[in-house]
Amino acid sequence: CSFEKTETRIQEPVSKRLSVVSRLPFIQEQLFALFDLVP
């Protein structure tokens, strides 16, 4: 959708890699299951 392309291009460069930060430690299996919801 055009608004997605515009917003992300203006705010920051995009890539295929993401950094995820939390104040609580992650459990590998749970975090994988959450992000695996996106193909």
PDB file of all heavy atoms in Angstrom:
ATOM      1  N   CYS A   1       0.872  -1.173   0.000  1.00  0.00           N
ATOM      2  CA  CYS A   1       0.000   0.000   0.000  1.00  0.00           C
ATOM      3  C   CYS A   1       0.912   1.227   0.000  1.00  0.00           C
ATOM      4  O   CYS A   1       1.952   1.241   0.636  1.00  0.00           O
ATOM      5  CB  CYS A   1      -0.880   0.019   1.256  1.00  0.00           C
ATOM      6  SG  CYS A   1      -1.989  -1.402   1.354  1.00  0.00           S
ATOM      7  N   SER A   2       0.489   2.288  -0.673  1.00  0.00           N
ATOM      8  CA  SER A   2       1.362   3.445  -0.846  1.00  0.00           C
ATOM      9  C   SER A   2       1.764   4.077   0.473  1.00  0.00           C
ATOM     10  O   SER A   2       2.888   4.530   0.638  1.00  0.00           O
ATOM     11  CB  SER A   2       0.672   4.490  -1.725  1.00  0.00           C
ATOM     12  OG  SER A   2      -0.555   4.898  -1.138  1.00  0.00           O
ATOM     13  N   PHE A   3       0.854   4.078   1.468  1.00  0.00           N
ATOM     14  CA  PHE A   3       1.199   4.742   2.722  1.00  0.00           C
ATOM     15  C   PHE A   3       2.306   3.968   3.446  1.00  0.00           C
ATOM     16  O   PHE A   3       3.138   4.555   4.120  1.00  0.00           O
ATOM     17  CB  PHE A   3      -0.019   4.905   3.632  1.00  0.00           C
ATOM     18  CG  PHE A   3      -0.393   3.684   4.420  1.00  0.00           C
ATOM     19  CD1 PHE A   3       0.124   3.493   5.692  1.00  0.00           C
ATOM     20  CD2 PHE A   3      -1.257   2.728   3.906  1.00  0.00           C
ATOM     21  CE1 PHE A   3      -0.222   2.371   6.441  1.00  0.00           C
ATOM     22  CE2 PHE A   3      -1.600   1.615   4.642  1.00  0.00           C
ATOM     23  CZ  PHE A   3      -1.082   1.429   5.909  1.00  0.00           C
ATOM     24  N   GLU A   4       2.356   2.637   3.283  1.00  0.00           N
ATOM     25  CA  GLU A   4       3.407   1.853   3.918  1.00  0.00           C
ATOM     26  C   GLU A   4       4.764   2.207   3.320  1.00  0.00           C
ATOM     27  O   GLU A   4       5.732   2.415   4.018  1.00  0.00           O
ATOM     28  CB  GLU A   4       3.138   0.351   3.723  1.00  0.00           C
ATOM     29  CG  GLU A   4       2.102  -0.215   4.648  1.00  0.00           C
ATOM     30  CD  GLU A   4       2.557  -0.160   6.103  1.00  0.00           C
ATOM     31  OE1 GLU A   4       3.781  -0.127   6.351  1.00  0.00           O
ATOM     32  OE2 GLU A   4       1.702  -0.116   6.979  1.00  0.00           O
ATOM     33  N   LYS A   5       4.827   2.267   1.985  1.00  0.00           N
ATOM     34  CA  LYS A   5       6.092   2.558   1.327  1.00  0.00           C
ATOM     35  C   LYS A   5       6.579   3.944   1.709  1.00  0.00           C
ATOM     36  O   LYS A   5       7.742   4.153   1.999  1.00  0.00           O
ATOM     37  CB  LYS A   5       5.928   2.453  -0.188  1.00  0.00           C
ATOM     38  CG  LYS A   5       5.594   1.037  -0.661  1.00  0.00           C
ATOM     39  CD  LYS A   5       5.283   0.986  -2.131  1.00  0.00           C
ATOM     40  CE  LYS A   5       6.504   1.236  -2.972  1.00  0.00           C
ATOM     41  NZ  LYS A   5       6.240   1.044  -4.404  1.00  0.00           N
ATOM     42  N   THR A   6       5.661   4.895   1.740  1.00  0.00           N
ATOM     43  CA  THR A   6       6.037   6.271   2.039  1.00  0.00           C
ATOM     44  C   THR A   6       6.521   6.413   3.468  1.00  0.00           C
ATOM     45  O   THR A   6       7.568   7.004   3.724  1.00  0.00           O
ATOM     46  CB  THR A   6       4.831   7.216   1.801  1.00  0.00           C
ATOM     47  OG1 THR A   6       4.382   7.063   0.475  1.00  0.00           O
ATOM     48  CG2 THR A   6       5.236   8.654   2.055  1.00  0.00           C
ATOM     49  N   GLU A   7       5.750   5.846   4.419  1.00  0.00           N
ATOM     50  CA  GLU A   7       6.103   6.002   5.820  1.00  0.00           C
ATOM     51  C   GLU A   7       7.469   5.398   6.124  1.00  0.00           C
ATOM     52  O   GLU A   7       8.310   6.035   6.751  1.00  0.00           O
ATOM     53  CB  GLU A   7       5.050   5.332   6.706  1.00  0.00           C
ATOM     54  CG  GLU A   7       3.784   6.155   6.842  1.00  0.00           C
ATOM     55  CD  GLU A   7       2.865   5.572   7.913  1.00  0.00           C
ATOM     56  OE1 GLU A   7       3.207   4.502   8.462  1.00  0.00           O
ATOM     57  OE2 GLU A   7       1.844   6.184   8.180  1.00  0.00           O
ATOM     58  N   THR A   8       7.719   4.178   5.703  1.00  0.00           N
ATOM     59  CA  THR A   8       8.970   3.528   6.049  1.00  0.00           C
ATOM     60  C   THR A   8      10.156   4.201   5.356  1.00  0.00           C
ATOM     61  O   THR A   8      11.228   4.306   5.937  1.00  0.00           O
ATOM     62  CB  THR A   8       8.936   2.037   5.668  1.00  0.00           C
ATOM     63  OG1 THR A   8       8.509   1.916   4.310  1.00  0.00           O
ATOM     64  CG2 THR A   8       7.967   1.273   6.557  1.00  0.00           C
ATOM     65  N   ARG A   9       9.954   4.700   4.138  1.00  0.00           N
ATOM     66  CA  ARG A   9      11.059   5.337   3.427  1.00  0.00           C
ATOM     67  C   ARG A   9      11.445   6.645   4.099  1.00  0.00           C
ATOM     68  O   ARG A   9      12.602   7.008   4.176  1.00  0.00           O
ATOM     69  CB  ARG A   9      10.663   5.569   1.971  1.00  0.00           C
ATOM     70  CG  ARG A   9      11.806   6.092   1.119  1.00  0.00           C
ATOM     71  CD  ARG A   9      11.387   6.187  -0.329  1.00  0.00           C
ATOM     72  NE  ARG A   9      11.087   4.882  -0.883  1.00  0.00           N
ATOM     73  CZ  ARG A   9      10.101   4.658  -1.713  1.00  0.00           C
ATOM     74  NH1 ARG A   9       9.299   5.632  -2.077  1.00  0.00           N
ATOM     75  NH2 ARG A   9       9.897   3.447  -2.202  1.00  0.00           N
ATOM     76  N   ILE A  10      10.452   7.364   4.613  1.00  0.00           N
ATOM     77  CA  ILE A  10      10.731   8.645   5.247  1.00  0.00           C
ATOM     78  C   ILE A  10      11.391   8.443   6.614  1.00  0.00           C
ATOM     79  O   ILE A  10      12.343   9.126   6.968  1.00  0.00           O
ATOM     80  CB  ILE A  10       9.424   9.459   5.420  1.00  0.00           C
ATOM     81  CG1 ILE A  10       8.921   9.908   4.048  1.00  0.00           C
ATOM     82  CG2 ILE A  10       9.644  10.665   6.310  1.00  0.00           C
ATOM     83  CD1 ILE A  10       7.561  10.574   4.098  1.00  0.00           C
ATOM     84  N   GLN A  11      10.930   7.468   7.368  1.00  0.00           N
ATOM     85  CA  GLN A  11      11.374   7.315   8.743  1.00  0.00           C
ATOM     86  C   GLN A  11      12.772   6.711   8.848  1.00  0.00           C
ATOM     87  O   GLN A  11      13.587   7.157   9.624  1.00  0.00           O
ATOM     88  CB  GLN A  11      10.383   6.439   9.514  1.00  0.00           C
ATOM     89  CG  GLN A  11       9.045   7.121   9.722  1.00  0.00           C
ATOM     90  CD  GLN A  11       8.047   6.179  10.364  1.00  0.00           C
ATOM     91  OE1 GLN A  11       8.338   5.017  10.610  1.00  0.00           O
ATOM     92  NE2 GLN A  11       6.861   6.679  10.624  1.00  0.00           N
ATOM     93  N   GLU A  12      13.077   5.673   8.094  1.00  0.00           N
ATOM     94  CA  GLU A  12      14.353   4.991   8.229  1.00  0.00           C
ATOM     95  C   GLU A  12      14.577   4.058   7.048  1.00  0.00           C
ATOM     96  O   GLU A  12      13.634   3.625   6.402  1.00  0.00           O
ATOM     97  CB  GLU A  12      14.365   4.180   9.530  1.00  0.00           C
ATOM     98  CG  GLU A  12      13.245   3.171   9.608  1.00  0.00           C
ATOM     99  CD  GLU A  12      13.167   2.496  10.965  1.00  0.00           C
ATOM    100  OE1 GLU A  12      14.227   2.181  11.539  1.00  0.00           O
ATOM    101  OE2 GLU A  12      12.049   2.276  11.436  1.00  0.00           O
ATOM    102  N   PRO A  13      15.846   3.731   6.763  1.00  0.00           N
ATOM    103  CA  PRO A  13      16.110   2.760   5.703  1.00  0.00           C
ATOM    104  C   PRO A  13      15.627   1.388   6.132  1.00  0.00           C
ATOM    105  O   PRO A  13      15.759   1.008   7.288  1.00  0.00           O
ATOM    106  CB  PRO A  13      17.636   2.800   5.567  1.00  0.00           C
ATOM    107  CG  PRO A  13      18.119   3.305   6.892  1.00  0.00           C
ATOM    108  CD  PRO A  13      17.080   4.259   7.362  1.00  0.00           C
ATOM    109  N   VAL A  14      15.065   0.638   5.198  1.00  0.00           N
ATOM    110  CA  VAL A  14      14.518  -0.666   5.530  1.00  0.00           C
ATOM    111  C   VAL A  14      15.497  -1.768   5.138  1.00  0.00           C
ATOM    112  O   VAL A  14      16.408  -1.555   4.343  1.00  0.00           O
ATOM    113  CB  VAL A  14      13.161  -0.912   4.833  1.00  0.00           C
ATOM    114  CG1 VAL A  14      12.172   0.157   5.235  1.00  0.00           C
ATOM    115  CG2 VAL A  14      13.329  -0.965   3.326  1.00  0.00           C
ATOM    116  N   SER A  15      15.297  -2.945   5.720  1.00  0.00           N
ATOM    117  CA  SER A  15      16.114  -4.097   5.388  1.00  0.00           C
ATOM    118  C   SER A  15      15.336  -5.354   5.724  1.00  0.00           C
ATOM    119  O   SER A  15      14.209  -5.291   6.215  1.00  0.00           O
ATOM    120  CB  SER A  15      17.438  -4.066   6.173  1.00  0.00           C
ATOM    121  OG  SER A  15      17.202  -4.344   7.545  1.00  0.00           O
ATOM    122  N   LYS A  16      15.941  -6.502   5.484  1.00  0.00           N
ATOM    123  CA  LYS A  16      15.302  -7.775   5.807  1.00  0.00           C
ATOM    124  C   LYS A  16      15.586  -8.197   7.251  1.00  0.00           C
ATOM    125  O   LYS A  16      15.070  -9.205   7.717  1.00  0.00           O
ATOM    126  CB  LYS A  16      15.802  -8.869   4.854  1.00  0.00           C
ATOM    127  CG  LYS A  16      15.411  -8.644   3.396  1.00  0.00           C
ATOM    128  CD  LYS A  16      15.831  -9.807   2.523  1.00  0.00           C
ATOM    129  CE  LYS A  16      17.327  -9.887   2.370  1.00  0.00           C
ATOM    130  NZ  LYS A  16      17.735 -10.936   1.395  1.00  0.00           N
ATOM    131  N   ARG A  17      16.407  -7.425   7.940  1.00  0.00           N
ATOM    132  CA  ARG A  17      16.844  -7.802   9.292  1.00  0.00           C
ATOM    133  C   ARG A  17      16.295  -6.810  10.322  1.00  0.00           C
ATOM    134  O   ARG A  17      16.288  -5.599  10.094  1.00  0.00           O
ATOM    135  CB  ARG A  17      18.370  -7.836   9.354  1.00  0.00           C
ATOM    136  CG  ARG A  17      18.945  -8.437  10.624  1.00  0.00           C
ATOM    137  CD  ARG A  17      20.450  -8.536  10.511  1.00  0.00           C
ATOM    138  NE  ARG A  17      20.844  -9.395   9.395  1.00  0.00           N
ATOM    139  CZ  ARG A  17      22.065  -9.439   8.895  1.00  0.00           C
ATOM    140  NH1 ARG A  17      23.006  -8.653   9.380  1.00  0.00           N
ATOM    141  NH2 ARG A  17      22.355 -10.256   7.899  1.00  0.00           N
ATOM    142  N   LEU A  18      15.843  -7.341  11.450  1.00  0.00           N
ATOM    143  CA  LEU A  18      15.251  -6.523  12.511  1.00  0.00           C
ATOM    144  C   LEU A  18      15.969  -6.746  13.836  1.00  0.00           C
ATOM    145  O   LEU A  18      16.440  -7.846  14.122  1.00  0.00           O
ATOM    146  CB  LEU A  18      13.774  -6.869  12.699  1.00  0.00           C
ATOM    147  CG  LEU A  18      12.843  -6.673  11.508  1.00  0.00           C
ATOM    148  CD1 LEU A  18      11.477  -7.293  11.819  1.00  0.00           C
ATOM    149  CD2 LEU A  18      12.693  -5.193  11.167  1.00  0.00           C
ATOM    150  N   SER A  19      16.019  -5.680  14.634  1.00  0.00           N
ATOM    151  CA  SER A  19      16.502  -5.774  16.009  1.00  0.00           C
ATOM    152  C   SER A  19      15.294  -5.673  16.929  1.00  0.00           C
ATOM    153  O   SER A  19      14.449  -4.795  16.764  1.00  0.00           O
ATOM    154  CB  SER A  19      17.482  -4.627  16.301  1.00  0.00           C
ATOM    155  OG  SER A  19      17.701  -4.497  17.700  1.00  0.00           O
ATOM    156  N   VAL A  20      15.194  -6.579  17.899  1.00  0.00           N
ATOM    157  CA  VAL A  20      14.083  -6.577  18.849  1.00  0.00           C
ATOM    158  C   VAL A  20      14.646  -6.426  20.256  1.00  0.00           C
ATOM    159  O   VAL A  20      15.512  -7.204  20.674  1.00  0.00           O
ATOM    160  CB  VAL A  20      13.261  -7.883  18.755  1.00  0.00           C
ATOM    161  CG1 VAL A  20      12.018  -7.780  19.639  1.00  0.00           C
ATOM    162  CG2 VAL A  20      12.874  -8.174  17.321  1.00  0.00           C
ATOM    163  N   VAL A  21      14.162  -5.422  20.973  1.00  0.00           N
ATOM    164  CA  VAL A  21      14.659  -5.141  22.315  1.00  0.00           C
ATOM    165  C   VAL A  21      13.496  -5.167  23.299  1.00  0.00           C
ATOM    166  O   VAL A  21      12.386  -4.724  22.990  1.00  0.00           O
ATOM    167  CB  VAL A  21      15.366  -3.765  22.371  1.00  0.00           C
ATOM    168  CG1 VAL A  21      15.897  -3.486  23.768  1.00  0.00           C
ATOM    169  CG2 VAL A  21      16.498  -3.705  21.358  1.00  0.00           C
ATOM    170  N   SER A  22      13.770  -5.680  24.488  1.00  0.00           N
ATOM    171  CA  SER A  22      12.745  -5.795  25.519  1.00  0.00           C
ATOM    172  C   SER A  22      13.397  -5.610  26.880  1.00  0.00           C
ATOM    173  O   SER A  22      14.575  -5.922  27.068  1.00  0.00           O
ATOM    174  CB  SER A  22      12.076  -7.175  25.438  1.00  0.00           C
ATOM    175  OG  SER A  22      11.450  -7.515  26.650  1.00  0.00           O
ATOM    176  N   ARG A  23      12.632  -5.113  27.842  1.00  0.00           N
ATOM    177  CA  ARG A  23      13.198  -4.984  29.193  1.00  0.00           C
ATOM    178  C   ARG A  23      13.229  -6.323  29.919  1.00  0.00           C
ATOM    179  O   ARG A  23      13.874  -6.468  30.946  1.00  0.00           O
ATOM    180  CB  ARG A  23      12.416  -3.969  30.015  1.00  0.00           C
ATOM    181  CG  ARG A  23      10.956  -4.280  30.213  1.00  0.00           C
ATOM    182  CD  ARG A  23      10.250  -3.170  30.967  1.00  0.00           C
ATOM    183  NE  ARG A  23       8.831  -3.431  31.135  1.00  0.00           N
ATOM    184  CZ  ARG A  23       8.336  -4.219  32.080  1.00  0.00           C
ATOM    185  NH1 ARG A  23       9.139  -4.784  32.954  1.00  0.00           N
ATOM    186  NH2 ARG A  23       7.032  -4.424  32.171  1.00  0.00           N
ATOM    187  N   LEU A  24      12.525  -7.321  29.366  1.00  0.00           N
ATOM    188  CA  LEU A  24      12.538  -8.664  29.928  1.00  0.00           C
ATOM    189  C   LEU A  24      13.278  -9.610  28.990  1.00  0.00           C
ATOM    190  O   LEU A  24      13.248  -9.419  27.779  1.00  0.00           O
ATOM    191  CB  LEU A  24      11.103  -9.183  30.128  1.00  0.00           C
ATOM    192  CG  LEU A  24      10.225  -8.432  31.125  1.00  0.00           C
ATOM    193  CD1 LEU A  24       8.839  -9.062  31.170  1.00  0.00           C
ATOM    194  CD2 LEU A  24      10.846  -8.434  32.515  1.00  0.00           C
ATOM    195  N   PRO A  25      13.949 -10.629  29.511  1.00  0.00           N
ATOM    196  CA  PRO A  25      14.651 -11.581  28.634  1.00  0.00           C
ATOM    197  C   PRO A  25      13.666 -12.368  27.787  1.00  0.00           C
ATOM    198  O   PRO A  25      12.521 -12.606  28.189  1.00  0.00           O
ATOM    199  CB  PRO A  25      15.386 -12.492  29.628  1.00  0.00           C
ATOM    200  CG  PRO A  25      14.634 -12.364  30.915  1.00  0.00           C
ATOM    201  CD  PRO A  25      14.125 -10.959  30.947  1.00  0.00           C
ATOM    202  N   PHE A  26      14.113 -12.776  26.606  1.00  0.00           N
ATOM    203  CA  PHE A  26      13.281 -13.545  25.686  1.00  0.00           C
ATOM    204  C   PHE A  26      13.482 -15.042  25.884  1.00  0.00           C
ATOM    205  O   PHE A  26      14.556 -15.487  26.301  1.00  0.00           O
ATOM    206  CB  PHE A  26      13.620 -13.210  24.230  1.00  0.00           C
ATOM    207  CG  PHE A  26      13.275 -11.816  23.816  1.00  0.00           C
ATOM    208  CD1 PHE A  26      14.233 -11.005  23.220  1.00  0.00           C
ATOM    209  CD2 PHE A  26      11.995 -11.300  24.004  1.00  0.00           C
ATOM    210  CE1 PHE A  26      13.921  -9.717  22.819  1.00  0.00           C
ATOM    211  CE2 PHE A  26      11.679 -10.026  23.608  1.00  0.00           C
ATOM    212  CZ  PHE A  26      12.642  -9.226  23.010  1.00  0.00           C
ATOM    213  N   ILE A  27      12.461 -15.797  25.554  1.00  0.00           N
ATOM    214  CA  ILE A  27      12.584 -17.247  25.421  1.00  0.00           C
ATOM    215  C   ILE A  27      12.608 -17.537  23.926  1.00  0.00           C
ATOM    216  O   ILE A  27      11.706 -17.133  23.196  1.00  0.00           O
ATOM    217  CB  ILE A  27      11.410 -17.974  26.096  1.00  0.00           C
ATOM    218  CG1 ILE A  27      11.421 -17.691  27.604  1.00  0.00           C
ATOM    219  CG2 ILE A  27      11.468 -19.473  25.840  1.00  0.00           C
ATOM    220  CD1 ILE A  27      10.236 -18.250  28.348  1.00  0.00           C
ATOM    221  N   GLN A  28      13.663 -18.192  23.485  1.00  0.00           N
ATOM    222  CA  GLN A  28      13.898 -18.403  22.052  1.00  0.00           C
ATOM    223  C   GLN A  28      12.665 -18.942  21.329  1.00  0.00           C
ATOM    224  O   GLN A  28      12.230 -18.393  20.317  1.00  0.00           O
ATOM    225  CB  GLN A  28      15.066 -19.375  21.874  1.00  0.00           C
ATOM    226  CG  GLN A  28      15.314 -19.806  20.437  1.00  0.00           C
ATOM    227  CD  GLN A  28      16.139 -18.809  19.653  1.00  0.00           C
ATOM    228  OE1 GLN A  28      16.966 -18.105  20.219  1.00  0.00           O
ATOM    229  NE2 GLN A  28      15.926 -18.729  18.352  1.00  0.00           N
ATOM    230  N   GLU A  29      12.079 -20.007  21.871  1.00  0.00           N
ATOM    231  CA  GLU A  29      10.960 -20.656  21.190  1.00  0.00           C
ATOM    232  C   GLU A  29       9.753 -19.737  21.071  1.00  0.00           C
ATOM    233  O   GLU A  29       9.067 -19.692  20.048  1.00  0.00           O
ATOM    234  CB  GLU A  29      10.558 -21.947  21.917  1.00  0.00           C
ATOM    235  CG  GLU A  29      11.601 -23.039  21.882  1.00  0.00           C
ATOM    236  CD  GLU A  29      12.747 -22.812  22.865  1.00  0.00           C
ATOM    237  OE1 GLU A  29      12.636 -21.877  23.707  1.00  0.00           O
ATOM    238  OE2 GLU A  29      13.751 -23.528  22.785  1.00  0.00           O
ATOM    239  N   GLN A  30       9.478 -18.970  22.139  1.00  0.00           N
ATOM    240  CA  GLN A  30       8.308 -18.086  22.130  1.00  0.00           C
ATOM    241  C   GLN A  30       8.488 -16.944  21.137  1.00  0.00           C
ATOM    242  O   GLN A  30       7.567 -16.600  20.393  1.00  0.00           O
ATOM    243  CB  GLN A  30       8.054 -17.539  23.534  1.00  0.00           C
ATOM    244  CG  GLN A  30       7.584 -18.590  24.518  1.00  0.00           C
ATOM    245  CD  GLN A  30       7.291 -18.007  25.886  1.00  0.00           C
ATOM    246  OE1 GLN A  30       7.583 -16.836  26.157  1.00  0.00           O
ATOM    247  NE2 GLN A  30       6.719 -18.805  26.758  1.00  0.00           N
ATOM    248  N   LEU A  31       9.685 -16.336  21.126  1.00  0.00           N
ATOM    249  CA  LEU A  31       9.915 -15.214  20.217  1.00  0.00           C
ATOM    250  C   LEU A  31       9.897 -15.706  18.767  1.00  0.00           C
ATOM    251  O   LEU A  31       9.334 -15.040  17.890  1.00  0.00           O
ATOM    252  CB  LEU A  31      11.241 -14.537  20.525  1.00  0.00           C
ATOM    253  CG  LEU A  31      11.415 -13.155  19.872  1.00  0.00           C
ATOM    254  CD1 LEU A  31      10.464 -12.142  20.511  1.00  0.00           C
ATOM    255  CD2 LEU A  31      12.847 -12.656  20.007  1.00  0.00           C
ATOM    256  N   PHE A  32      10.485 -16.868  18.525  1.00  0.00           N
ATOM    257  CA  PHE A  32      10.459 -17.434  17.168  1.00  0.00           C
ATOM    258  C   PHE A  32       9.017 -17.657  16.722  1.00  0.00           C
ATOM    259  O   PHE A  32       8.647 -17.314  15.596  1.00  0.00           O
ATOM    260  CB  PHE A  32      11.237 -18.748  17.132  1.00  0.00           C
ATOM    261  CG  PHE A  32      11.337 -19.361  15.759  1.00  0.00           C
ATOM    262  CD1 PHE A  32      12.426 -19.102  14.945  1.00  0.00           C
ATOM    263  CD2 PHE A  32      10.321 -20.179  15.267  1.00  0.00           C
ATOM    264  CE1 PHE A  32      12.512 -19.653  13.674  1.00  0.00           C
ATOM    265  CE2 PHE A  32      10.398 -20.732  13.999  1.00  0.00           C
ATOM    266  CZ  PHE A  32      11.497 -20.464  13.200  1.00  0.00           C
ATOM    267  N   ALA A  33       8.193 -18.210  17.624  1.00  0.00           N
ATOM    268  CA  ALA A  33       6.795 -18.488  17.278  1.00  0.00           C
ATOM    269  C   ALA A  33       6.040 -17.202  16.962  1.00  0.00           C
ATOM    270  O   ALA A  33       5.203 -17.168  16.053  1.00  0.00           O
ATOM    271  CB  ALA A  33       6.114 -19.233  18.424  1.00  0.00           C
ATOM    272  N   LEU A  34       6.348 -16.123  17.685  1.00  0.00           N
ATOM    273  CA  LEU A  34       5.671 -14.846  17.460  1.00  0.00           C
ATOM    274  C   LEU A  34       6.022 -14.271  16.092  1.00  0.00           C
ATOM    275  O   LEU A  34       5.138 -13.915  15.307  1.00  0.00           O
ATOM    276  CB  LEU A  34       6.047 -13.850  18.560  1.00  0.00           C
ATOM    277  CG  LEU A  34       5.428 -12.451  18.441  1.00  0.00           C
ATOM    278  CD1 LEU A  34       3.915 -12.524  18.594  1.00  0.00           C
ATOM    279  CD2 LEU A  34       6.016 -11.507  19.474  1.00  0.00           C
ATOM    280  N   PHE A  35       7.313 -14.196  15.778  1.00  0.00           N
ATOM    281  CA  PHE A  35       7.733 -13.593  14.508  1.00  0.00           C
ATOM    282  C   PHE A  35       7.509 -14.536  13.326  1.00  0.00           C
ATOM    283  O   PHE A  35       7.444 -14.081  12.190  1.00  0.00           O
ATOM    284  CB  PHE A  35       9.190 -13.146  14.595  1.00  0.00           C
ATOM    285  CG  PHE A  35       9.364 -11.824  15.281  1.00  0.00           C
ATOM    286  CD1 PHE A  35       9.417 -11.760  16.665  1.00  0.00           C
ATOM    287  CD2 PHE A  35       9.426 -10.638  14.569  1.00  0.00           C
ATOM    288  CE1 PHE A  35       9.543 -10.544  17.326  1.00  0.00           C
ATOM    289  CE2 PHE A  35       9.551  -9.415  15.201  1.00  0.00           C
ATOM    290  CZ  PHE A  35       9.612  -9.370  16.591  1.00  0.00           C
ATOM    291  N   ASP A  36       7.365 -15.822  13.594  1.00  0.00           N
ATOM    292  CA  ASP A  36       7.084 -16.774  12.526  1.00  0.00           C
ATOM    293  C   ASP A  36       5.649 -16.657  12.027  1.00  0.00           C
ATOM    294  O   ASP A  36       5.281 -17.250  11.019  1.00  0.00           O
ATOM    295  CB  ASP A  36       7.347 -18.197  13.025  1.00  0.00           C
ATOM    296  CG  ASP A  36       7.419 -19.207  11.881  1.00  0.00           C
ATOM    297  OD1 ASP A  36       7.964 -18.852  10.815  1.00  0.00           O
ATOM    298  OD2 ASP A  36       6.931 -20.330  12.046  1.00  0.00           O
ATOM    299  N   LEU A  37       4.822 -15.867  12.718  1.00  0.00           N
ATOM    300  CA  LEU A  37       3.461 -15.614  12.252  1.00  0.00           C
ATOM    301  C   LEU A  37       3.480 -14.822  10.951  1.00  0.00           C
ATOM    302  O   LEU A  37       2.534 -14.851  10.178  1.00  0.00           O
ATOM    303  CB  LEU A  37       2.661 -14.842  13.310  1.00  0.00           C
ATOM    304  CG  LEU A  37       2.388 -15.596  14.619  1.00  0.00           C
ATOM    305  CD1 LEU A  37       1.743 -14.675  15.629  1.00  0.00           C
ATOM    306  CD2 LEU A  37       1.491 -16.798  14.359  1.00  0.00           C
ATOM    307  N   VAL A  38       4.566 -14.087  10.721  1.00  0.00           N
ATOM    308  CA  VAL A  38       4.749 -13.388   9.441  1.00  0.00           C
ATOM    309  C   VAL A  38       5.540 -14.311   8.524  1.00  0.00           C
ATOM    310  O   VAL A  38       6.613 -14.791   8.898  1.00  0.00           O
ATOM    311  CB  VAL A  38       5.501 -12.061   9.647  1.00  0.00           C
ATOM    312  CG1 VAL A  38       5.775 -11.385   8.301  1.00  0.00           C
ATOM    313  CG2 VAL A  38       4.719 -11.123  10.548  1.00  0.00           C
ATOM    314  N   PRO A  39       5.052 -14.588   7.327  1.00  0.00           N
ATOM    315  CA  PRO A  39       5.740 -15.521   6.420  1.00  0.00           C
ATOM    316  C   PRO A  39       7.151 -15.070   6.072  1.00  0.00           C
ATOM    317  O   PRO A  39       7.417 -13.872   5.957  1.00  0.00           O
ATOM    318  CB  PRO A  39       4.851 -15.510   5.169  1.00  0.00           C
ATOM    319  CG  PRO A  39       3.517 -15.048   5.648  1.00  0.00           C
ATOM    320  CD  PRO A  39       3.783 -14.086   6.756  1.00  0.00           C
TER     321      PRO A  39
END
